[in-house]
N, C-alpha and C. Protein backbone atom coordinates (compact mmCIF):
# COMPACT_ATOMS: atom_id res chain seq x y z
N UNK A 1 14.85 -7.40 -1.23
CA UNK A 1 14.73 -7.37 -2.56
C UNK A 1 16.26 -7.52 -3.19
N UNK A 2 16.34 -8.49 -4.17
CA UNK A 2 17.70 -8.73 -4.72
C UNK A 2 17.88 -7.68 -6.07
N UNK A 3 19.14 -7.57 -6.46
CA UNK A 3 19.48 -6.80 -7.61
C UNK A 3 18.67 -7.44 -8.90
N UNK A 4 18.56 -8.76 -8.92
CA UNK A 4 17.84 -9.39 -9.96
C UNK A 4 16.33 -8.91 -10.09
N UNK A 5 15.65 -8.71 -8.95
CA UNK A 5 14.45 -8.35 -8.96
C UNK A 5 14.32 -7.02 -9.34
N UNK A 6 15.32 -6.10 -9.36
CA UNK A 6 15.20 -4.76 -9.78
C UNK A 6 15.55 -4.65 -11.24
N UNK A 7 15.78 -5.55 -11.96
CA UNK A 7 16.16 -5.57 -13.33
C UNK A 7 14.90 -5.61 -14.24
N UNK A 8 14.85 -5.09 -15.33
CA UNK A 8 13.72 -5.19 -16.25
C UNK A 8 12.50 -4.66 -15.72
N UNK A 9 12.53 -3.59 -15.05
CA UNK A 9 11.29 -2.96 -14.45
C UNK A 9 10.38 -2.45 -15.55
N UNK A 10 9.14 -2.39 -15.13
CA UNK A 10 8.05 -1.62 -15.89
C UNK A 10 7.95 -0.25 -15.25
N UNK A 11 8.33 0.69 -16.02
CA UNK A 11 8.45 2.00 -15.45
C UNK A 11 7.43 3.15 -16.24
N UNK A 12 6.76 3.74 -15.45
CA UNK A 12 5.83 4.81 -15.89
C UNK A 12 6.60 6.17 -15.72
N UNK A 13 6.64 6.98 -16.68
CA UNK A 13 7.27 8.38 -16.50
C UNK A 13 6.15 9.36 -16.84
N UNK A 14 6.09 10.40 -16.02
CA UNK A 14 5.13 11.40 -16.29
C UNK A 14 5.90 12.82 -16.19
N UNK A 15 5.41 13.70 -16.98
CA UNK A 15 5.94 15.01 -17.02
C UNK A 15 5.14 15.89 -17.96
N UNK A 16 4.87 17.21 -17.60
CA UNK A 16 4.07 18.00 -18.40
C UNK A 16 4.70 18.44 -19.65
N UNK A 17 6.10 18.24 -19.65
CA UNK A 17 6.93 18.71 -20.90
C UNK A 17 7.15 17.51 -21.70
N UNK A 18 6.78 17.54 -23.03
CA UNK A 18 7.12 16.38 -23.93
C UNK A 18 8.55 16.20 -24.16
N UNK A 19 9.43 17.45 -24.18
CA UNK A 19 10.81 17.20 -24.46
C UNK A 19 11.51 16.41 -23.22
N UNK A 20 11.04 16.79 -22.03
CA UNK A 20 11.57 16.04 -20.91
C UNK A 20 11.24 14.55 -20.87
N UNK A 21 10.03 14.11 -21.38
CA UNK A 21 9.57 12.81 -21.53
C UNK A 21 10.48 12.08 -22.48
N UNK A 22 10.85 12.79 -23.60
CA UNK A 22 11.64 12.34 -24.77
C UNK A 22 13.16 12.01 -24.11
N UNK A 23 13.52 12.89 -23.27
CA UNK A 23 14.87 12.87 -22.69
C UNK A 23 14.96 11.67 -21.72
N UNK A 24 14.09 11.51 -20.87
CA UNK A 24 14.08 10.53 -19.75
C UNK A 24 13.82 9.01 -20.21
N UNK A 25 13.08 8.90 -21.19
CA UNK A 25 12.70 7.49 -21.63
C UNK A 25 13.91 6.74 -22.22
N UNK A 26 14.86 7.35 -22.89
CA UNK A 26 15.97 6.62 -23.36
C UNK A 26 16.98 6.27 -22.20
N UNK A 27 17.04 7.17 -21.26
CA UNK A 27 17.93 6.97 -20.02
C UNK A 27 17.40 5.62 -19.27
N UNK A 28 15.99 5.63 -19.07
CA UNK A 28 15.28 4.49 -18.43
C UNK A 28 15.59 3.23 -19.21
N UNK A 29 15.41 3.23 -20.52
CA UNK A 29 15.65 2.08 -21.43
C UNK A 29 17.10 1.66 -21.22
N UNK A 30 18.08 2.51 -21.28
CA UNK A 30 19.44 2.27 -21.21
C UNK A 30 19.79 1.52 -19.94
N UNK A 31 18.95 1.72 -19.05
CA UNK A 31 19.18 0.88 -17.69
C UNK A 31 18.61 -0.50 -17.77
N UNK A 32 17.95 -0.72 -18.79
CA UNK A 32 17.30 -2.23 -19.06
C UNK A 32 15.94 -2.34 -18.59
N UNK A 33 15.31 -1.15 -18.53
CA UNK A 33 13.92 -1.05 -18.15
C UNK A 33 12.95 -0.83 -19.30
N UNK A 34 11.68 -1.23 -19.12
CA UNK A 34 10.69 -0.91 -20.17
C UNK A 34 9.90 0.28 -19.82
N UNK A 35 9.78 1.33 -20.68
CA UNK A 35 8.90 2.40 -20.44
C UNK A 35 7.45 2.04 -20.81
N UNK A 36 6.55 1.74 -19.97
CA UNK A 36 5.35 1.26 -20.21
C UNK A 36 4.32 2.37 -20.56
N UNK A 37 4.59 3.60 -20.00
CA UNK A 37 3.78 4.62 -20.45
C UNK A 37 4.48 6.08 -20.25
N UNK A 38 4.06 7.15 -21.05
CA UNK A 38 4.47 8.43 -20.85
C UNK A 38 3.22 9.26 -20.67
N UNK A 39 3.03 9.89 -19.55
CA UNK A 39 1.82 10.58 -19.38
C UNK A 39 2.22 12.11 -19.10
N UNK A 40 1.33 12.87 -19.70
CA UNK A 40 1.46 14.32 -19.39
C UNK A 40 0.19 14.94 -18.68
N UNK A 41 -1.01 14.46 -18.97
CA UNK A 41 -2.29 14.99 -18.46
C UNK A 41 -2.65 14.35 -17.21
N UNK A 42 -2.92 15.23 -16.11
CA UNK A 42 -3.09 14.78 -14.82
C UNK A 42 -4.48 13.95 -14.82
N UNK A 43 -5.37 14.34 -15.70
CA UNK A 43 -6.78 13.65 -15.77
C UNK A 43 -6.68 12.09 -16.18
N UNK A 44 -5.35 11.84 -16.94
CA UNK A 44 -5.24 10.49 -17.53
C UNK A 44 -4.34 9.70 -16.68
N UNK A 45 -3.36 10.24 -15.95
CA UNK A 45 -2.34 9.57 -15.37
C UNK A 45 -2.82 8.57 -14.39
N UNK A 46 -3.91 8.75 -13.55
CA UNK A 46 -4.33 7.83 -12.52
C UNK A 46 -4.91 6.54 -13.23
N UNK A 47 -5.72 6.72 -14.32
CA UNK A 47 -6.26 5.61 -15.02
C UNK A 47 -5.23 4.81 -15.71
N UNK A 48 -4.16 5.40 -16.13
CA UNK A 48 -3.11 4.59 -16.86
C UNK A 48 -2.29 3.85 -15.81
N UNK A 49 -2.02 4.45 -14.54
CA UNK A 49 -1.37 3.87 -13.52
C UNK A 49 -2.09 2.56 -13.13
N UNK A 50 -3.49 2.74 -12.86
CA UNK A 50 -4.26 1.55 -12.40
C UNK A 50 -4.22 0.53 -13.43
N UNK A 51 -4.18 0.85 -14.68
CA UNK A 51 -4.39 -0.15 -15.75
C UNK A 51 -2.89 -0.94 -16.08
N UNK A 52 -1.90 -0.09 -16.01
CA UNK A 52 -0.51 -0.69 -16.38
C UNK A 52 0.11 -1.35 -15.23
N UNK A 53 -0.19 -0.90 -14.00
CA UNK A 53 0.49 -1.44 -12.80
C UNK A 53 2.04 -1.41 -12.96
N UNK A 54 2.61 -0.22 -12.99
CA UNK A 54 4.04 -0.13 -13.12
C UNK A 54 4.82 -0.63 -11.80
N UNK A 55 6.13 -0.85 -12.06
CA UNK A 55 6.93 -1.28 -10.80
C UNK A 55 7.36 -0.02 -10.21
N UNK A 56 7.62 0.95 -10.84
CA UNK A 56 8.01 2.28 -10.37
C UNK A 56 7.64 3.53 -11.18
N UNK A 57 7.41 4.63 -10.65
CA UNK A 57 7.03 5.78 -11.48
C UNK A 57 7.93 6.98 -11.18
N UNK A 58 8.28 7.53 -12.33
CA UNK A 58 9.23 8.76 -12.33
C UNK A 58 8.45 9.94 -12.68
N UNK A 59 8.21 10.93 -11.87
CA UNK A 59 7.39 12.24 -12.03
C UNK A 59 8.36 13.41 -12.09
N UNK A 60 8.37 13.99 -13.25
CA UNK A 60 9.32 15.11 -13.55
C UNK A 60 8.66 16.37 -13.19
N UNK A 61 9.48 17.27 -12.64
CA UNK A 61 9.09 18.53 -12.44
C UNK A 61 9.31 19.46 -13.73
N UNK A 62 8.23 19.87 -14.40
CA UNK A 62 8.17 20.55 -15.54
C UNK A 62 8.11 22.14 -15.29
N UNK A 63 7.30 22.85 -16.08
CA UNK A 63 7.08 24.33 -15.96
C UNK A 63 6.40 24.54 -14.52
N UNK A 64 5.35 23.77 -14.22
CA UNK A 64 4.57 24.09 -12.93
C UNK A 64 4.87 22.92 -11.90
N UNK A 65 5.10 23.46 -10.72
CA UNK A 65 5.37 22.47 -9.63
C UNK A 65 3.93 21.87 -9.19
N UNK A 66 2.86 22.70 -9.39
CA UNK A 66 1.62 22.24 -8.95
C UNK A 66 1.19 21.07 -9.91
N UNK A 67 1.45 21.19 -11.22
CA UNK A 67 1.07 20.15 -12.19
C UNK A 67 1.77 18.81 -11.78
N UNK A 68 3.12 18.98 -11.37
CA UNK A 68 3.89 17.77 -11.06
C UNK A 68 3.43 17.14 -9.80
N UNK A 69 3.04 18.05 -8.77
CA UNK A 69 2.43 17.57 -7.56
C UNK A 69 1.07 16.84 -7.76
N UNK A 70 0.29 17.30 -8.67
CA UNK A 70 -1.04 16.76 -8.97
C UNK A 70 -0.76 15.24 -9.73
N UNK A 71 0.24 15.40 -10.49
CA UNK A 71 0.69 13.96 -11.12
C UNK A 71 1.03 12.87 -9.96
N UNK A 72 1.80 13.34 -9.08
CA UNK A 72 2.34 12.56 -7.94
C UNK A 72 1.09 12.08 -7.25
N UNK A 73 0.28 12.99 -6.94
CA UNK A 73 -0.90 12.66 -6.07
C UNK A 73 -1.88 11.57 -6.71
N UNK A 74 -2.06 11.77 -7.94
CA UNK A 74 -2.79 10.85 -8.74
C UNK A 74 -2.23 9.42 -8.84
N UNK A 75 -0.93 9.28 -9.06
CA UNK A 75 -0.20 8.11 -9.22
C UNK A 75 -0.09 7.44 -7.94
N UNK A 76 0.12 8.13 -6.82
CA UNK A 76 0.28 7.43 -5.46
C UNK A 76 -1.09 6.88 -5.17
N UNK A 77 -2.14 7.65 -5.51
CA UNK A 77 -3.47 7.19 -5.11
C UNK A 77 -3.92 5.88 -5.84
N UNK A 78 -3.34 5.58 -7.08
CA UNK A 78 -3.65 4.45 -7.84
C UNK A 78 -2.66 3.33 -7.82
N UNK A 79 -1.31 3.76 -7.44
CA UNK A 79 -0.30 2.71 -7.63
C UNK A 79 -0.01 1.90 -6.54
N UNK A 80 0.58 0.73 -6.81
CA UNK A 80 1.01 -0.18 -5.80
C UNK A 80 2.50 -0.26 -6.01
N UNK A 81 3.04 0.88 -6.36
CA UNK A 81 4.54 1.11 -6.62
C UNK A 81 5.03 2.34 -6.05
N UNK A 82 6.27 2.49 -5.82
CA UNK A 82 6.83 3.76 -5.36
C UNK A 82 7.04 4.81 -6.46
N UNK A 83 6.80 6.13 -6.03
CA UNK A 83 6.88 7.20 -7.04
C UNK A 83 8.27 8.00 -6.58
N UNK A 84 8.89 8.28 -7.69
CA UNK A 84 10.23 9.03 -7.50
C UNK A 84 10.00 10.25 -8.25
N UNK A 85 10.55 11.52 -7.51
CA UNK A 85 10.41 12.78 -8.16
C UNK A 85 11.69 12.97 -8.95
N UNK A 86 11.50 13.49 -10.20
CA UNK A 86 12.72 13.82 -10.94
C UNK A 86 12.88 15.31 -11.14
N UNK A 87 13.94 15.89 -10.65
CA UNK A 87 14.07 17.28 -10.76
C UNK A 87 15.38 17.70 -11.62
N UNK A 88 15.45 18.79 -12.14
CA UNK A 88 16.55 19.22 -12.95
C UNK A 88 17.72 19.92 -12.06
N UNK A 89 17.22 20.64 -11.03
CA UNK A 89 18.16 21.28 -10.03
C UNK A 89 17.61 21.22 -8.61
N UNK A 90 18.35 21.30 -7.59
CA UNK A 90 17.82 21.35 -6.22
C UNK A 90 16.53 22.24 -6.05
N UNK A 91 15.57 21.67 -5.48
CA UNK A 91 14.42 22.47 -5.12
C UNK A 91 13.70 21.97 -3.97
N UNK A 92 14.16 22.35 -2.73
CA UNK A 92 13.67 21.77 -1.38
C UNK A 92 12.24 22.01 -1.29
N UNK A 93 11.67 23.09 -1.60
CA UNK A 93 10.18 23.28 -1.66
C UNK A 93 9.34 22.16 -2.18
N UNK A 94 9.73 22.00 -3.50
CA UNK A 94 9.01 21.00 -4.28
C UNK A 94 9.29 19.73 -3.58
N UNK A 95 10.39 19.25 -3.26
CA UNK A 95 10.69 18.03 -2.62
C UNK A 95 9.88 17.72 -1.42
N UNK A 96 9.71 18.88 -0.62
CA UNK A 96 8.97 18.81 0.67
C UNK A 96 7.48 18.67 0.36
N UNK A 97 6.93 19.32 -0.67
CA UNK A 97 5.54 19.14 -0.82
C UNK A 97 5.24 17.71 -1.57
N UNK A 98 6.20 17.30 -2.39
CA UNK A 98 6.12 15.97 -3.02
C UNK A 98 6.11 14.83 -2.02
N UNK A 99 6.97 14.94 -1.03
CA UNK A 99 7.01 13.98 0.11
C UNK A 99 5.71 13.94 0.88
N UNK A 100 5.06 15.07 0.97
CA UNK A 100 3.74 15.03 1.75
C UNK A 100 2.66 14.23 0.88
N UNK A 101 2.83 14.09 -0.46
CA UNK A 101 2.00 13.43 -1.24
C UNK A 101 2.39 12.01 -1.51
N UNK A 102 3.43 11.61 -1.03
CA UNK A 102 3.73 10.13 -1.02
C UNK A 102 5.02 9.83 -1.83
N UNK A 103 5.75 10.84 -2.32
CA UNK A 103 7.06 10.53 -3.03
C UNK A 103 7.86 9.82 -2.06
N UNK A 104 8.74 8.71 -2.56
CA UNK A 104 9.67 8.03 -1.58
C UNK A 104 10.99 8.59 -1.98
N UNK A 105 11.35 9.24 -2.93
CA UNK A 105 12.71 9.81 -3.10
C UNK A 105 12.69 10.75 -4.21
N UNK A 106 13.82 11.46 -4.45
CA UNK A 106 13.86 12.22 -5.59
C UNK A 106 15.35 12.06 -6.21
N UNK A 107 15.41 12.30 -7.60
CA UNK A 107 16.77 12.22 -8.23
C UNK A 107 16.82 13.34 -9.17
N UNK A 108 18.08 13.72 -9.53
CA UNK A 108 18.28 14.89 -10.41
C UNK A 108 18.86 14.25 -11.83
N UNK A 109 18.92 15.19 -12.73
CA UNK A 109 19.44 14.78 -14.09
C UNK A 109 20.95 14.68 -14.00
N UNK A 110 21.55 15.43 -12.94
CA UNK A 110 23.04 15.28 -12.85
C UNK A 110 23.39 13.99 -12.20
N UNK A 111 22.49 13.33 -11.64
CA UNK A 111 22.77 11.95 -11.13
C UNK A 111 22.36 10.72 -11.97
N UNK A 112 22.21 10.99 -13.23
CA UNK A 112 21.63 9.90 -14.18
C UNK A 112 22.43 8.68 -14.00
N UNK A 113 23.71 8.80 -13.84
CA UNK A 113 24.44 7.54 -13.79
C UNK A 113 24.20 6.83 -12.52
N UNK A 114 23.49 7.36 -11.68
CA UNK A 114 23.22 6.74 -10.30
C UNK A 114 21.66 6.37 -10.12
N UNK A 115 20.99 6.56 -11.13
CA UNK A 115 19.54 6.34 -11.18
C UNK A 115 19.21 4.95 -10.69
N UNK A 116 19.85 4.00 -11.23
CA UNK A 116 19.70 2.57 -10.87
C UNK A 116 19.94 2.32 -9.38
N UNK A 117 20.98 2.87 -8.91
CA UNK A 117 21.21 2.60 -7.41
C UNK A 117 19.99 3.30 -6.50
N UNK A 118 19.60 4.45 -7.11
CA UNK A 118 18.42 5.11 -6.30
C UNK A 118 17.27 4.23 -6.43
N UNK A 119 16.90 3.78 -7.54
CA UNK A 119 15.81 2.93 -7.84
C UNK A 119 15.86 1.72 -6.94
N UNK A 120 17.07 1.12 -6.84
CA UNK A 120 17.16 -0.13 -5.97
C UNK A 120 16.87 0.13 -4.59
N UNK A 121 17.28 1.25 -4.07
CA UNK A 121 17.18 1.71 -2.69
C UNK A 121 15.67 2.01 -2.35
N UNK A 122 15.01 2.60 -3.40
CA UNK A 122 13.66 3.08 -3.14
C UNK A 122 12.73 1.71 -3.29
N UNK A 123 13.00 0.94 -4.18
CA UNK A 123 12.15 -0.32 -4.06
C UNK A 123 12.40 -1.20 -2.84
N UNK A 124 13.65 -1.20 -2.40
CA UNK A 124 13.84 -1.91 -1.00
C UNK A 124 13.04 -1.32 0.05
N UNK A 125 13.08 0.04 0.09
CA UNK A 125 12.33 0.83 1.29
C UNK A 125 10.89 0.60 1.10
N UNK A 126 10.45 0.60 -0.23
CA UNK A 126 8.93 0.51 -0.38
C UNK A 126 8.48 -1.04 0.04
N UNK A 127 9.33 -1.93 -0.25
CA UNK A 127 8.91 -3.24 0.27
C UNK A 127 9.01 -3.28 1.72
N UNK A 128 9.90 -2.80 2.44
CA UNK A 128 9.90 -2.77 3.85
C UNK A 128 8.84 -1.95 4.37
N UNK A 129 8.35 -0.95 3.80
CA UNK A 129 7.21 -0.10 4.23
C UNK A 129 5.99 -0.93 4.20
N UNK A 130 5.85 -1.66 3.13
CA UNK A 130 4.54 -2.40 2.97
C UNK A 130 4.57 -3.62 3.97
N UNK A 131 5.77 -4.27 4.19
CA UNK A 131 5.84 -5.27 5.18
C UNK A 131 5.42 -4.67 6.63
N UNK A 132 5.99 -3.62 6.85
CA UNK A 132 5.66 -2.94 8.16
C UNK A 132 4.19 -2.63 8.20
N UNK A 133 3.59 -2.04 7.16
CA UNK A 133 2.18 -1.79 7.19
C UNK A 133 1.33 -2.97 7.49
N UNK A 134 1.83 -4.01 6.73
CA UNK A 134 1.18 -5.39 6.83
C UNK A 134 1.18 -5.86 8.33
N UNK A 135 2.45 -5.71 8.88
CA UNK A 135 2.54 -6.02 10.27
C UNK A 135 1.57 -5.30 11.26
N UNK A 136 1.38 -4.04 11.06
CA UNK A 136 0.56 -3.23 11.83
C UNK A 136 -0.99 -3.66 11.65
N UNK A 137 -1.24 -4.02 10.43
CA UNK A 137 -2.53 -4.37 10.08
C UNK A 137 -2.93 -5.75 10.80
N UNK A 138 -1.91 -6.65 10.73
CA UNK A 138 -2.08 -8.08 11.56
C UNK A 138 -2.23 -7.71 12.98
N UNK A 139 -1.49 -6.74 13.50
CA UNK A 139 -1.55 -6.56 15.03
C UNK A 139 -2.93 -5.98 15.33
N UNK A 140 -3.37 -5.22 14.40
CA UNK A 140 -4.73 -4.45 14.83
C UNK A 140 -5.89 -5.44 14.77
N UNK A 141 -5.79 -6.59 13.81
CA UNK A 141 -6.79 -7.59 13.79
C UNK A 141 -6.64 -8.45 15.05
N UNK A 142 -5.59 -8.79 15.47
CA UNK A 142 -5.36 -9.68 16.64
C UNK A 142 -5.79 -8.87 17.90
N UNK A 143 -5.57 -7.66 18.14
CA UNK A 143 -5.99 -6.75 19.18
C UNK A 143 -7.60 -6.76 19.22
N UNK A 144 -8.17 -6.57 18.01
CA UNK A 144 -9.58 -6.58 18.07
C UNK A 144 -10.25 -7.88 18.36
N UNK A 145 -9.59 -8.91 17.94
CA UNK A 145 -10.08 -10.46 18.27
C UNK A 145 -9.96 -10.60 19.78
N UNK A 146 -8.88 -10.16 20.25
CA UNK A 146 -8.69 -10.31 21.75
C UNK A 146 -9.86 -9.65 22.53
N UNK A 147 -10.06 -8.41 22.11
CA UNK A 147 -11.19 -7.55 22.71
C UNK A 147 -12.44 -8.27 22.64
N UNK A 148 -12.79 -8.93 21.56
CA UNK A 148 -14.13 -9.54 21.32
C UNK A 148 -14.05 -10.72 22.36
N UNK A 149 -13.08 -11.55 22.41
CA UNK A 149 -13.00 -12.67 23.15
C UNK A 149 -13.10 -12.34 24.68
N UNK A 150 -12.54 -11.24 25.12
CA UNK A 150 -12.45 -10.66 26.49
C UNK A 150 -13.91 -10.37 26.90
N UNK A 151 -14.55 -9.70 25.92
CA UNK A 151 -15.94 -9.31 26.23
C UNK A 151 -16.92 -10.47 26.39
N UNK A 152 -16.83 -11.36 25.31
CA UNK A 152 -17.77 -12.49 25.22
C UNK A 152 -17.58 -13.54 26.30
N UNK A 153 -16.25 -13.82 26.60
CA UNK A 153 -15.94 -14.93 27.46
C UNK A 153 -15.58 -14.46 28.96
N UNK A 154 -15.77 -13.14 29.08
CA UNK A 154 -15.31 -12.50 30.53
C UNK A 154 -13.92 -12.91 30.91
N UNK A 155 -13.02 -12.75 30.02
CA UNK A 155 -11.63 -13.18 30.37
C UNK A 155 -10.72 -11.92 30.26
N UNK A 156 -9.42 -12.09 30.85
CA UNK A 156 -8.61 -10.98 30.65
C UNK A 156 -7.69 -11.05 29.39
N UNK A 157 -6.89 -10.18 29.08
CA UNK A 157 -6.16 -10.06 27.80
C UNK A 157 -5.26 -11.20 27.63
N UNK A 158 -4.35 -11.74 28.64
CA UNK A 158 -3.58 -12.94 28.46
C UNK A 158 -4.34 -13.99 28.12
N UNK A 159 -5.43 -14.29 28.87
CA UNK A 159 -6.25 -15.44 28.45
C UNK A 159 -6.82 -15.40 27.14
N UNK A 160 -7.23 -14.27 26.67
CA UNK A 160 -7.77 -14.03 25.34
C UNK A 160 -6.73 -14.43 24.34
N UNK A 161 -5.52 -13.92 24.42
CA UNK A 161 -4.50 -14.31 23.67
C UNK A 161 -4.06 -15.74 23.56
N UNK A 162 -4.15 -16.33 24.75
CA UNK A 162 -3.77 -17.86 24.96
C UNK A 162 -4.83 -18.69 24.01
N UNK A 163 -6.01 -18.24 24.31
CA UNK A 163 -7.20 -18.87 23.58
C UNK A 163 -7.01 -18.80 22.04
N UNK A 164 -6.60 -17.74 21.53
CA UNK A 164 -6.29 -17.51 20.22
C UNK A 164 -5.06 -18.42 19.72
N UNK A 165 -4.05 -18.39 20.44
CA UNK A 165 -2.74 -19.20 20.21
C UNK A 165 -3.04 -20.66 20.24
N UNK A 166 -3.81 -21.06 21.28
CA UNK A 166 -4.09 -22.62 21.23
C UNK A 166 -5.01 -22.90 20.19
N UNK A 167 -5.86 -22.19 19.75
CA UNK A 167 -6.86 -22.60 18.62
C UNK A 167 -5.95 -22.57 17.42
N UNK A 168 -5.17 -21.71 17.16
CA UNK A 168 -4.22 -21.60 16.01
C UNK A 168 -3.42 -22.88 15.93
N UNK A 169 -2.86 -23.30 17.16
CA UNK A 169 -1.98 -24.45 17.13
C UNK A 169 -2.78 -25.82 16.82
N UNK A 170 -3.97 -25.80 17.44
CA UNK A 170 -4.83 -27.02 17.31
C UNK A 170 -5.34 -27.22 15.82
N UNK A 171 -5.52 -26.07 15.25
CA UNK A 171 -6.09 -26.01 13.85
C UNK A 171 -4.88 -25.94 12.67
N UNK A 172 -3.76 -25.79 13.33
CA UNK A 172 -2.52 -25.66 12.30
C UNK A 172 -2.86 -24.50 11.45
N UNK A 173 -3.22 -23.35 11.86
CA UNK A 173 -3.44 -22.22 11.22
C UNK A 173 -2.60 -20.98 11.88
N UNK A 174 -2.35 -19.94 10.96
CA UNK A 174 -1.66 -18.84 11.57
C UNK A 174 -2.55 -17.98 12.42
N UNK A 175 -1.89 -17.41 13.47
CA UNK A 175 -2.57 -16.76 14.48
C UNK A 175 -3.48 -15.60 13.95
N UNK A 176 -2.98 -14.90 12.94
CA UNK A 176 -3.72 -13.64 12.39
C UNK A 176 -4.94 -14.23 11.64
N UNK A 177 -4.87 -15.44 11.07
CA UNK A 177 -6.01 -16.05 10.33
C UNK A 177 -7.12 -16.42 11.29
N UNK A 178 -6.64 -17.06 12.52
CA UNK A 178 -7.74 -17.22 13.61
C UNK A 178 -8.33 -16.01 14.15
N UNK A 179 -7.59 -14.92 14.25
CA UNK A 179 -7.99 -13.61 14.72
C UNK A 179 -9.08 -13.04 13.85
N UNK A 180 -8.63 -13.09 12.50
CA UNK A 180 -9.63 -12.63 11.47
C UNK A 180 -10.95 -13.41 11.50
N UNK A 181 -10.93 -14.84 11.80
CA UNK A 181 -11.95 -15.49 11.85
C UNK A 181 -12.90 -15.18 13.05
N UNK A 182 -12.27 -14.87 14.16
CA UNK A 182 -13.00 -14.49 15.41
C UNK A 182 -13.71 -13.25 15.04
N UNK A 183 -12.87 -12.18 14.36
CA UNK A 183 -13.59 -11.02 14.15
C UNK A 183 -14.85 -11.09 13.18
N UNK A 184 -14.73 -12.02 12.35
CA UNK A 184 -15.87 -12.47 11.34
C UNK A 184 -16.96 -13.35 12.06
N UNK A 185 -16.70 -13.71 13.35
CA UNK A 185 -17.71 -14.55 14.07
C UNK A 185 -17.49 -16.05 14.06
N UNK A 186 -16.18 -16.30 14.28
CA UNK A 186 -15.73 -17.69 14.34
C UNK A 186 -16.38 -18.49 15.59
N UNK A 187 -16.29 -19.78 15.63
CA UNK A 187 -16.91 -20.55 16.62
C UNK A 187 -16.13 -20.44 18.02
N UNK A 188 -15.11 -19.58 18.06
CA UNK A 188 -14.56 -19.37 19.30
C UNK A 188 -15.32 -18.44 20.25
N UNK A 189 -16.30 -17.84 19.55
CA UNK A 189 -17.32 -17.02 20.14
C UNK A 189 -18.39 -17.92 20.83
N UNK A 190 -18.88 -17.63 21.84
CA UNK A 190 -20.02 -18.54 22.50
C UNK A 190 -21.26 -18.40 21.50
N UNK A 191 -22.00 -19.38 21.58
CA UNK A 191 -23.26 -19.35 20.80
C UNK A 191 -24.05 -18.44 21.48
N UNK A 192 -24.99 -17.79 20.66
CA UNK A 192 -25.99 -16.84 21.18
C UNK A 192 -27.10 -17.68 21.84
N UNK A 193 -27.48 -17.38 23.10
CA UNK A 193 -28.54 -18.13 23.76
C UNK A 193 -29.79 -17.95 22.97
N UNK A 194 -30.50 -19.33 23.04
CA UNK A 194 -31.67 -19.47 22.18
C UNK A 194 -32.82 -18.71 23.04
N UNK A 195 -33.51 -17.88 22.44
CA UNK A 195 -34.63 -17.15 22.97
C UNK A 195 -35.88 -17.74 22.46
N UNK A 196 -36.81 -18.50 23.27
CA UNK A 196 -37.97 -19.00 22.58
C UNK A 196 -38.88 -17.92 22.11
N UNK A 197 -39.63 -18.27 21.21
CA UNK A 197 -40.67 -17.40 20.61
C UNK A 197 -41.77 -17.19 21.59
N UNK A 198 -42.33 -16.05 21.78
CA UNK A 198 -43.41 -15.78 22.75
C UNK A 198 -44.59 -16.74 22.45
N UNK A 199 -45.18 -17.28 23.48
CA UNK A 199 -46.40 -18.09 23.30
C UNK A 199 -47.64 -17.46 23.83
N UNK A 200 -48.59 -17.44 22.95
CA UNK A 200 -49.89 -16.98 23.33
C UNK A 200 -50.94 -17.95 23.41
N UNK A 201 -51.77 -17.86 24.45
CA UNK A 201 -52.79 -18.86 24.72
C UNK A 201 -53.87 -18.47 23.71
N UNK A 202 -54.57 -19.66 23.22
CA UNK A 202 -55.63 -19.45 22.24
C UNK A 202 -56.75 -18.64 22.78
N UNK A 203 -57.16 -17.63 21.93
CA UNK A 203 -58.25 -16.76 22.28
C UNK A 203 -57.91 -15.70 23.23
N UNK A 204 -56.56 -15.52 23.56
CA UNK A 204 -56.15 -14.48 24.54
C UNK A 204 -55.48 -13.45 23.67
N UNK A 205 -55.97 -12.11 24.00
CA UNK A 205 -55.33 -10.93 23.31
C UNK A 205 -54.05 -10.67 23.94
N UNK A 206 -53.13 -10.21 23.14
CA UNK A 206 -51.82 -9.83 23.71
C UNK A 206 -51.85 -8.23 24.16
């Protein structure tokens, strides 16, 4: 992710304290980003996150760590963006609990001049994480497709993989697309044998 891609971000900020929201918003705006939402209530933050689709979310630690952790959890559940915890002073316990709920990093008020650098790093790590997650997903589909082919064709794993690869080449398709098609019942699977309907002679009881 280039520096240009981390300019003019759409940022959601959440904190149970209105005074902290009022303090953080100008700092974010000064970095050249748009504050698209300022949320306080846990019950509302998930819906707002899903609707606004921010590029990054900043969750501040206010009076209650539980409130902040609930905000984090709601945003992480709905967001396709990284969540950064914003704290006023070092708080190892809160950071530990926030990380369990999906926070990618934390920043402090004292490091306001370095917020942009932190955001850049977090967005890069978030992209790498999703790329890796996607790679694991593709591998899982391929492994499942190989298993299906091994069972249906009575072949070993290398032969099943070769079957997938050759079909992908011949059809000019990605291997993972062919694997997905096999999982969904592609023609690489043998046809089900036709079972004729039972025939009953006229006048004969079954």
